[in-house]
Amino acid sequence: MTIFDILDILGTIAFVISGSLSAMNRRLDLFGIFIIAFVTSIGGGTIRDILIGNTPVSWMQNTTTIYLIGGVTVFSIIFRNKLDYLKGSIFLFDTIGLGVFTIIGVETGINAGLEPIVSVALGATTGCFGGVVRDILCNEIPVIFRKEIYATASIAGGICFMILYSFNIDQNITHISTAMLIIIIRLIVVKFKVSLPLFTVRSHNNIK
């Protein structure tokens, strides 16, 4: 098993727990919990694979991912009360998943021979768009489109990865540094309520 496989498993577990807790907080039924957990964990990777023409997409080629998602979802349901004791548990697992899947997306772009900026974009897509699909299905404005800094943290991590990669820094150091940067950014912006500026258009009453 490679470090890439380990990262994929860790990211999947983190996003499954995040999606499961999010679904249970919205009082969805058992089927709804499984669907939200599933799309949260594989949504970003599916979009990434479609964009680069890697079909069938990764989870269709490796059905172990499906069993992993199902098992972790059941675990989350059984131990939902214990997981809920963790302060900000959804935020914690969502942030871990974001960091890990960003790395996977950037590495996928590099392995496909794509330009650095495209690889960073693939990292953000892999890290963020499972959450986008989750929020849409839960009838919410996706978190990356709100004032909370989310995709920006993923992009910063992707840029960090590309810089370290270009200097041939040890792979483990590159992975850990990228994930930690994303996690630290998320912790700082939430703790100190840092956000990107919002812009609105002044509405004018129609004159009849």
C-alpha atoms as a PDB file:
ATOM      1  CA  MET A   1       0.000   0.000   0.000  1.00  0.00           C
ATOM      2  CA  THR A   2       1.405   3.372  -1.042  1.00  0.00           C
ATOM      3  CA  ILE A   3       1.217   6.698   0.813  1.00  0.00           C
ATOM      4  CA  PHE A   4      -1.270   7.764  -1.883  1.00  0.00           C
ATOM      5  CA  ASP A   5      -3.580   4.862  -0.956  1.00  0.00           C
ATOM      6  CA  ILE A   6      -3.284   5.655   2.761  1.00  0.00           C
ATOM      7  CA  LEU A   7      -4.168   9.311   2.137  1.00  0.00           C
ATOM      8  CA  ASP A   8      -7.167   8.266   0.061  1.00  0.00           C
ATOM      9  CA  ILE A   9      -8.459   6.028   2.862  1.00  0.00           C
ATOM     10  CA  LEU A  10      -7.931   8.693   5.538  1.00  0.00           C
ATOM     11  CA  GLY A  11      -9.631  11.380   3.453  1.00  0.00           C
ATOM     12  CA  THR A  12     -12.550   9.102   2.641  1.00  0.00           C
ATOM     13  CA  ILE A  13     -13.056   8.181   6.319  1.00  0.00           C
ATOM     14  CA  ALA A  14     -12.916  11.835   7.382  1.00  0.00           C
ATOM     15  CA  PHE A  15     -15.457  12.955   4.787  1.00  0.00           C
ATOM     16  CA  VAL A  16     -17.774   9.997   5.454  1.00  0.00           C
ATOM     17  CA  ILE A  17     -17.908  10.901   9.155  1.00  0.00           C
ATOM     18  CA  SER A  18     -18.414  14.565   8.281  1.00  0.00           C
ATOM     19  CA  GLY A  19     -21.213  13.756   5.839  1.00  0.00           C
ATOM     20  CA  SER A  20     -22.885  11.288   8.204  1.00  0.00           C
ATOM     21  CA  LEU A  21     -22.914  13.724  11.122  1.00  0.00           C
ATOM     22  CA  SER A  22     -24.174  16.497   8.868  1.00  0.00           C
ATOM     23  CA  ALA A  23     -27.018  14.287   7.614  1.00  0.00           C
ATOM     24  CA  MET A  24     -27.980  13.166  11.129  1.00  0.00           C
ATOM     25  CA  ASN A  25     -28.006  16.762  12.358  1.00  0.00           C
ATOM     26  CA  ARG A  26     -30.540  17.453   9.611  1.00  0.00           C
ATOM     27  CA  ARG A  27     -32.629  14.470  10.813  1.00  0.00           C
ATOM     28  CA  LEU A  28     -32.423  12.541   7.544  1.00  0.00           C
ATOM     29  CA  ASP A  29     -33.471   8.901   7.431  1.00  0.00           C
ATOM     30  CA  LEU A  30     -31.075   5.949   7.057  1.00  0.00           C
ATOM     31  CA  PHE A  31     -31.048   6.100   3.265  1.00  0.00           C
ATOM     32  CA  GLY A  32     -30.450   9.840   3.345  1.00  0.00           C
ATOM     33  CA  ILE A  33     -27.496   9.425   5.717  1.00  0.00           C
ATOM     34  CA  PHE A  34     -25.844   6.891   3.413  1.00  0.00           C
ATOM     35  CA  ILE A  35     -26.385   9.083   0.341  1.00  0.00           C
ATOM     36  CA  ILE A  36     -24.980  12.226   1.988  1.00  0.00           C
ATOM     37  CA  ALA A  37     -21.990  10.280   3.372  1.00  0.00           C
ATOM     38  CA  PHE A  38     -21.379   8.792  -0.077  1.00  0.00           C
ATOM     39  CA  VAL A  39     -21.503  12.005  -2.095  1.00  0.00           C
ATOM     40  CA  THR A  40     -19.461  13.917   0.490  1.00  0.00           C
ATOM     41  CA  SER A  41     -16.638  11.392   0.289  1.00  0.00           C
ATOM     42  CA  ILE A  42     -16.532  10.675  -3.456  1.00  0.00           C
ATOM     43  CA  GLY A  43     -18.117  13.780  -5.027  1.00  0.00           C
ATOM     44  CA  GLY A  44     -14.914  15.779  -5.464  1.00  0.00           C
ATOM     45  CA  GLY A  45     -12.891  12.812  -6.722  1.00  0.00           C
ATOM     46  CA  THR A  46     -15.627  11.884  -9.187  1.00  0.00           C
ATOM     47  CA  ILE A  47     -15.699  15.377 -10.699  1.00  0.00           C
ATOM     48  CA  ARG A  48     -11.865  15.386 -10.831  1.00  0.00           C
ATOM     49  CA  ASP A  49     -11.734  12.058 -12.677  1.00  0.00           C
ATOM     50  CA  ILE A  50     -14.382  13.166 -15.171  1.00  0.00           C
ATOM     51  CA  LEU A  51     -12.485  16.404 -15.862  1.00  0.00           C
ATOM     52  CA  ILE A  52      -9.241  14.558 -16.693  1.00  0.00           C
ATOM     53  CA  GLY A  53     -10.979  11.748 -18.578  1.00  0.00           C
ATOM     54  CA  ASN A  54     -10.178   9.054 -16.027  1.00  0.00           C
ATOM     55  CA  THR A  55     -13.235   6.848 -16.505  1.00  0.00           C
ATOM     56  CA  PRO A  56     -14.683   4.726 -15.077  1.00  0.00           C
ATOM     57  CA  VAL A  57     -14.027   6.966 -12.079  1.00  0.00           C
ATOM     58  CA  SER A  58     -11.809   5.688  -9.256  1.00  0.00           C
ATOM     59  CA  TRP A  59     -14.513   4.376  -6.897  1.00  0.00           C
ATOM     60  CA  MET A  60     -16.064   2.359  -9.727  1.00  0.00           C
ATOM     61  CA  GLN A  61     -12.727   0.682 -10.404  1.00  0.00           C
ATOM     62  CA  ASN A  62     -12.045   0.027  -6.729  1.00  0.00           C
ATOM     63  CA  THR A  63     -15.224  -1.193  -5.054  1.00  0.00           C
ATOM     64  CA  THR A  64     -13.376  -1.414  -1.730  1.00  0.00           C
ATOM     65  CA  THR A  65     -14.130   2.315  -1.453  1.00  0.00           C
ATOM     66  CA  ILE A  66     -17.868   1.580  -1.470  1.00  0.00           C
ATOM     67  CA  TYR A  67     -17.529  -0.982   1.332  1.00  0.00           C
ATOM     68  CA  LEU A  68     -15.341   1.442   3.283  1.00  0.00           C
ATOM     69  CA  ILE A  69     -17.936   4.195   2.977  1.00  0.00           C
ATOM     70  CA  GLY A  70     -20.703   1.833   4.059  1.00  0.00           C
ATOM     71  CA  GLY A  71     -18.726   0.552   7.037  1.00  0.00           C
ATOM     72  CA  VAL A  72     -17.696   3.993   8.273  1.00  0.00           C
ATOM     73  CA  THR A  73     -21.263   5.269   7.848  1.00  0.00           C
ATOM     74  CA  VAL A  74     -22.571   2.443  10.041  1.00  0.00           C
ATOM     75  CA  PHE A  75     -19.812   3.203  12.563  1.00  0.00           C
ATOM     76  CA  SER A  76     -20.833   6.886  12.575  1.00  0.00           C
ATOM     77  CA  ILE A  77     -24.477   5.988  13.168  1.00  0.00           C
ATOM     78  CA  ILE A  78     -23.705   3.581  16.009  1.00  0.00           C
ATOM     79  CA  PHE A  79     -21.283   5.924  17.751  1.00  0.00           C
ATOM     80  CA  ARG A  80     -23.035   9.156  16.777  1.00  0.00           C
ATOM     81  CA  ASN A  81     -23.413  10.337  20.368  1.00  0.00           C
ATOM     82  CA  LYS A  82     -19.751   9.748  21.205  1.00  0.00           C
ATOM     83  CA  LEU A  83     -18.660  11.498  18.003  1.00  0.00           C
ATOM     84  CA  ASP A  84     -20.981  14.383  18.812  1.00  0.00           C
ATOM     85  CA  TYR A  85     -19.140  14.914  22.105  1.00  0.00           C
ATOM     86  CA  LEU A  86     -16.142  16.068  20.092  1.00  0.00           C
ATOM     87  CA  LYS A  87     -16.406  19.837  19.957  1.00  0.00           C
ATOM     88  CA  GLY A  88     -16.862  20.885  16.370  1.00  0.00           C
ATOM     89  CA  SER A  89     -16.596  17.272  15.169  1.00  0.00           C
ATOM     90  CA  ILE A  90     -18.089  18.016  11.746  1.00  0.00           C
ATOM     91  CA  PHE A  91     -15.657  20.904  11.310  1.00  0.00           C
ATOM     92  CA  LEU A  92     -12.739  18.716  12.447  1.00  0.00           C
ATOM     93  CA  PHE A  93     -13.380  15.807  10.094  1.00  0.00           C
ATOM     94  CA  ASP A  94     -14.358  18.103   7.233  1.00  0.00           C
ATOM     95  CA  THR A  95     -11.069  19.995   7.592  1.00  0.00           C
ATOM     96  CA  ILE A  96      -9.003  16.798   7.717  1.00  0.00           C
ATOM     97  CA  GLY A  97     -10.771  15.543   4.595  1.00  0.00           C
ATOM     98  CA  LEU A  98     -10.179  18.860   2.849  1.00  0.00           C
ATOM     99  CA  GLY A  99      -6.444  18.699   3.550  1.00  0.00           C
ATOM    100  CA  VAL A 100      -6.022  15.089   2.484  1.00  0.00           C
ATOM    101  CA  PHE A 101      -8.148  15.266  -0.660  1.00  0.00           C
ATOM    102  CA  THR A 102      -6.448  18.483  -1.767  1.00  0.00           C
ATOM    103  CA  ILE A 103      -3.141  16.610  -1.750  1.00  0.00           C
ATOM    104  CA  ILE A 104      -4.640  13.722  -3.722  1.00  0.00           C
ATOM    105  CA  GLY A 105      -6.078  16.102  -6.333  1.00  0.00           C
ATOM    106  CA  VAL A 106      -2.821  17.991  -6.826  1.00  0.00           C
ATOM    107  CA  GLU A 107      -0.840  14.750  -7.122  1.00  0.00           C
ATOM    108  CA  THR A 108      -3.349  13.437  -9.659  1.00  0.00           C
ATOM    109  CA  GLY A 109      -2.803  16.542 -11.779  1.00  0.00           C
ATOM    110  CA  ILE A 110       0.979  16.192 -11.533  1.00  0.00           C
ATOM    111  CA  ASN A 111       0.858  12.501 -12.485  1.00  0.00           C
ATOM    112  CA  ALA A 112      -1.331  13.392 -15.476  1.00  0.00           C
ATOM    113  CA  GLY A 113       1.316  15.873 -16.663  1.00  0.00           C
ATOM    114  CA  LEU A 114      -0.890  18.933 -16.238  1.00  0.00           C
ATOM    115  CA  GLU A 115       0.278  22.501 -15.617  1.00  0.00           C
ATOM    116  CA  PRO A 116       0.808  23.548 -11.967  1.00  0.00           C
ATOM    117  CA  ILE A 117      -2.183  25.921 -11.938  1.00  0.00           C
ATOM    118  CA  VAL A 118      -4.440  23.149 -13.261  1.00  0.00           C
ATOM    119  CA  SER A 119      -3.090  20.711 -10.674  1.00  0.00           C
ATOM    120  CA  VAL A 120      -3.900  23.213  -7.910  1.00  0.00           C
ATOM    121  CA  ALA A 121      -7.412  23.602  -9.347  1.00  0.00           C
ATOM    122  CA  LEU A 122      -7.837  19.820  -9.344  1.00  0.00           C
ATOM    123  CA  GLY A 123      -6.746  19.788  -5.714  1.00  0.00           C
ATOM    124  CA  ALA A 124      -9.415  22.340  -4.795  1.00  0.00           C
ATOM    125  CA  THR A 125     -12.018  20.453  -6.842  1.00  0.00           C
ATOM    126  CA  THR A 126     -11.207  17.157  -5.124  1.00  0.00           C
ATOM    127  CA  GLY A 127     -11.192  18.735  -1.684  1.00  0.00           C
ATOM    128  CA  CYS A 128     -14.239  20.984  -1.964  1.00  0.00           C
ATOM    129  CA  PHE A 129     -16.840  19.654  -4.351  1.00  0.00           C
ATOM    130  CA  GLY A 130     -17.988  16.690  -2.288  1.00  0.00           C
ATOM    131  CA  GLY A 131     -19.082  19.275   0.265  1.00  0.00           C
ATOM    132  CA  VAL A 132     -20.717  21.336  -2.468  1.00  0.00           C
ATOM    133  CA  VAL A 133     -22.869  18.389  -3.567  1.00  0.00           C
ATOM    134  CA  ARG A 134     -23.652  17.597   0.089  1.00  0.00           C
ATOM    135  CA  ASP A 135     -24.825  21.138   0.812  1.00  0.00           C
ATOM    136  CA  ILE A 136     -26.915  21.303  -2.357  1.00  0.00           C
ATOM    137  CA  LEU A 137     -28.677  18.036  -1.472  1.00  0.00           C
ATOM    138  CA  CYS A 138     -29.272  19.408   2.042  1.00  0.00           C
ATOM    139  CA  ASN A 139     -30.810  22.556   0.512  1.00  0.00           C
ATOM    140  CA  GLU A 140     -28.060  24.877   1.753  1.00  0.00           C
ATOM    141  CA  ILE A 141     -25.792  27.380   0.042  1.00  0.00           C
ATOM    142  CA  PRO A 142     -22.461  25.503  -0.305  1.00  0.00           C
ATOM    143  CA  VAL A 143     -19.914  26.562   2.288  1.00  0.00           C
ATOM    144  CA  ILE A 144     -17.332  27.522  -0.378  1.00  0.00           C
ATOM    145  CA  PHE A 145     -19.731  30.163  -1.743  1.00  0.00           C
ATOM    146  CA  ARG A 146     -20.289  31.756   1.645  1.00  0.00           C
ATOM    147  CA  LYS A 147     -18.024  34.126   3.531  1.00  0.00           C
ATOM    148  CA  GLU A 148     -16.242  31.325   5.416  1.00  0.00           C
ATOM    149  CA  ILE A 149     -12.781  30.659   3.949  1.00  0.00           C
ATOM    150  CA  TYR A 150     -12.800  27.089   2.633  1.00  0.00           C
ATOM    151  CA  ALA A 151     -11.749  26.785  -0.998  1.00  0.00           C
ATOM    152  CA  THR A 152      -9.126  29.492  -0.393  1.00  0.00           C
ATOM    153  CA  ALA A 153      -7.479  27.262   2.223  1.00  0.00           C
ATOM    154  CA  SER A 154      -7.446  24.379  -0.254  1.00  0.00           C
ATOM    155  CA  ILE A 155      -5.904  26.561  -2.967  1.00  0.00           C
ATOM    156  CA  ALA A 156      -3.238  27.817  -0.534  1.00  0.00           C
ATOM    157  CA  GLY A 157      -2.426  24.206   0.352  1.00  0.00           C
ATOM    158  CA  GLY A 158      -2.222  23.276  -3.319  1.00  0.00           C
ATOM    159  CA  ILE A 159       0.203  26.130  -4.013  1.00  0.00           C
ATOM    160  CA  CYS A 160       2.294  25.060  -1.010  1.00  0.00           C
ATOM    161  CA  PHE A 161       2.395  21.514  -2.381  1.00  0.00           C
ATOM    162  CA  MET A 162       3.525  22.680  -5.826  1.00  0.00           C
ATOM    163  CA  ILE A 163       6.289  24.867  -4.371  1.00  0.00           C
ATOM    164  CA  LEU A 164       7.671  22.074  -2.187  1.00  0.00           C
ATOM    165  CA  TYR A 165       7.338  19.586  -5.062  1.00  0.00           C
ATOM    166  CA  SER A 166       9.263  21.877  -7.424  1.00  0.00           C
ATOM    167  CA  PHE A 167      12.167  21.937  -4.948  1.00  0.00           C
ATOM    168  CA  ASN A 168      12.129  18.118  -4.680  1.00  0.00           C
ATOM    169  CA  ILE A 169      11.344  18.219  -0.973  1.00  0.00           C
ATOM    170  CA  ASP A 170      10.780  14.807   0.644  1.00  0.00           C
ATOM    171  CA  GLN A 171       7.291  13.496  -0.179  1.00  0.00           C
ATOM    172  CA  ASN A 172       6.295  12.934   3.441  1.00  0.00           C
ATOM    173  CA  ILE A 173       7.347  16.464   4.402  1.00  0.00           C
ATOM    174  CA  THR A 174       5.405  17.842   1.430  1.00  0.00           C
ATOM    175  CA  HIS A 175       2.256  15.939   2.381  1.00  0.00           C
ATOM    176  CA  ILE A 176       2.406  16.849   6.065  1.00  0.00           C
ATOM    177  CA  SER A 177       3.228  20.515   5.372  1.00  0.00           C
ATOM    178  CA  THR A 178       0.360  20.870   2.897  1.00  0.00           C
ATOM    179  CA  ALA A 179      -2.206  19.225   5.160  1.00  0.00           C
ATOM    180  CA  MET A 180      -1.067  21.201   8.212  1.00  0.00           C
ATOM    181  CA  LEU A 181      -1.216  24.513   6.317  1.00  0.00           C
ATOM    182  CA  ILE A 182      -4.804  23.851   5.259  1.00  0.00           C
ATOM    183  CA  ILE A 183      -5.837  22.765   8.756  1.00  0.00           C
ATOM    184  CA  ILE A 184      -4.114  25.754  10.395  1.00  0.00           C
ATOM    185  CA  ILE A 185      -5.731  28.214   7.967  1.00  0.00           C
ATOM    186  CA  ARG A 186      -9.157  26.728   8.669  1.00  0.00           C
ATOM    187  CA  LEU A 187      -8.629  26.851  12.431  1.00  0.00           C
ATOM    188  CA  ILE A 188      -7.413  30.464  12.344  1.00  0.00           C
ATOM    189  CA  VAL A 189     -10.202  31.805  10.126  1.00  0.00           C
ATOM    190  CA  VAL A 190     -12.911  30.110  12.186  1.00  0.00           C
ATOM    191  CA  LYS A 191     -11.453  31.089  15.562  1.00  0.00           C
ATOM    192  CA  PHE A 192     -10.907  34.733  14.605  1.00  0.00           C
ATOM    193  CA  LYS A 193     -13.882  34.906  12.215  1.00  0.00           C
ATOM    194  CA  VAL A 194     -11.741  35.909   9.247  1.00  0.00           C
ATOM    195  CA  SER A 195     -13.638  36.028   5.962  1.00  0.00           C
ATOM    196  CA  LEU A 196     -13.353  37.188   2.395  1.00  0.00           C
ATOM    197  CA  PRO A 197     -15.083  40.468   1.546  1.00  0.00           C
ATOM    198  CA  LEU A 198     -18.711  40.321   0.452  1.00  0.00           C
ATOM    199  CA  PHE A 199     -20.082  42.357  -2.423  1.00  0.00           C
ATOM    200  CA  THR A 200     -23.702  43.231  -3.047  1.00  0.00           C
ATOM    201  CA  VAL A 201     -25.523  45.128  -5.743  1.00  0.00           C
ATOM    202  CA  ARG A 202     -27.665  48.028  -4.570  1.00  0.00           C
ATOM    203  CA  SER A 203     -31.252  47.318  -5.511  1.00  0.00           C
ATOM    204  CA  HIS A 204     -33.361  50.080  -7.047  1.00  0.00           C
ATOM    205  CA  ASN A 205     -37.107  50.200  -6.847  1.00  0.00           C
ATOM    206  CA  ASN A 206     -38.707  50.026 -10.252  1.00  0.00           C
ATOM    207  CA  ILE A 207     -40.281  53.318 -11.234  1.00  0.00           C
ATOM    208  CA  LYS A 208     -43.626  52.842 -12.932  1.00  0.00           C
END
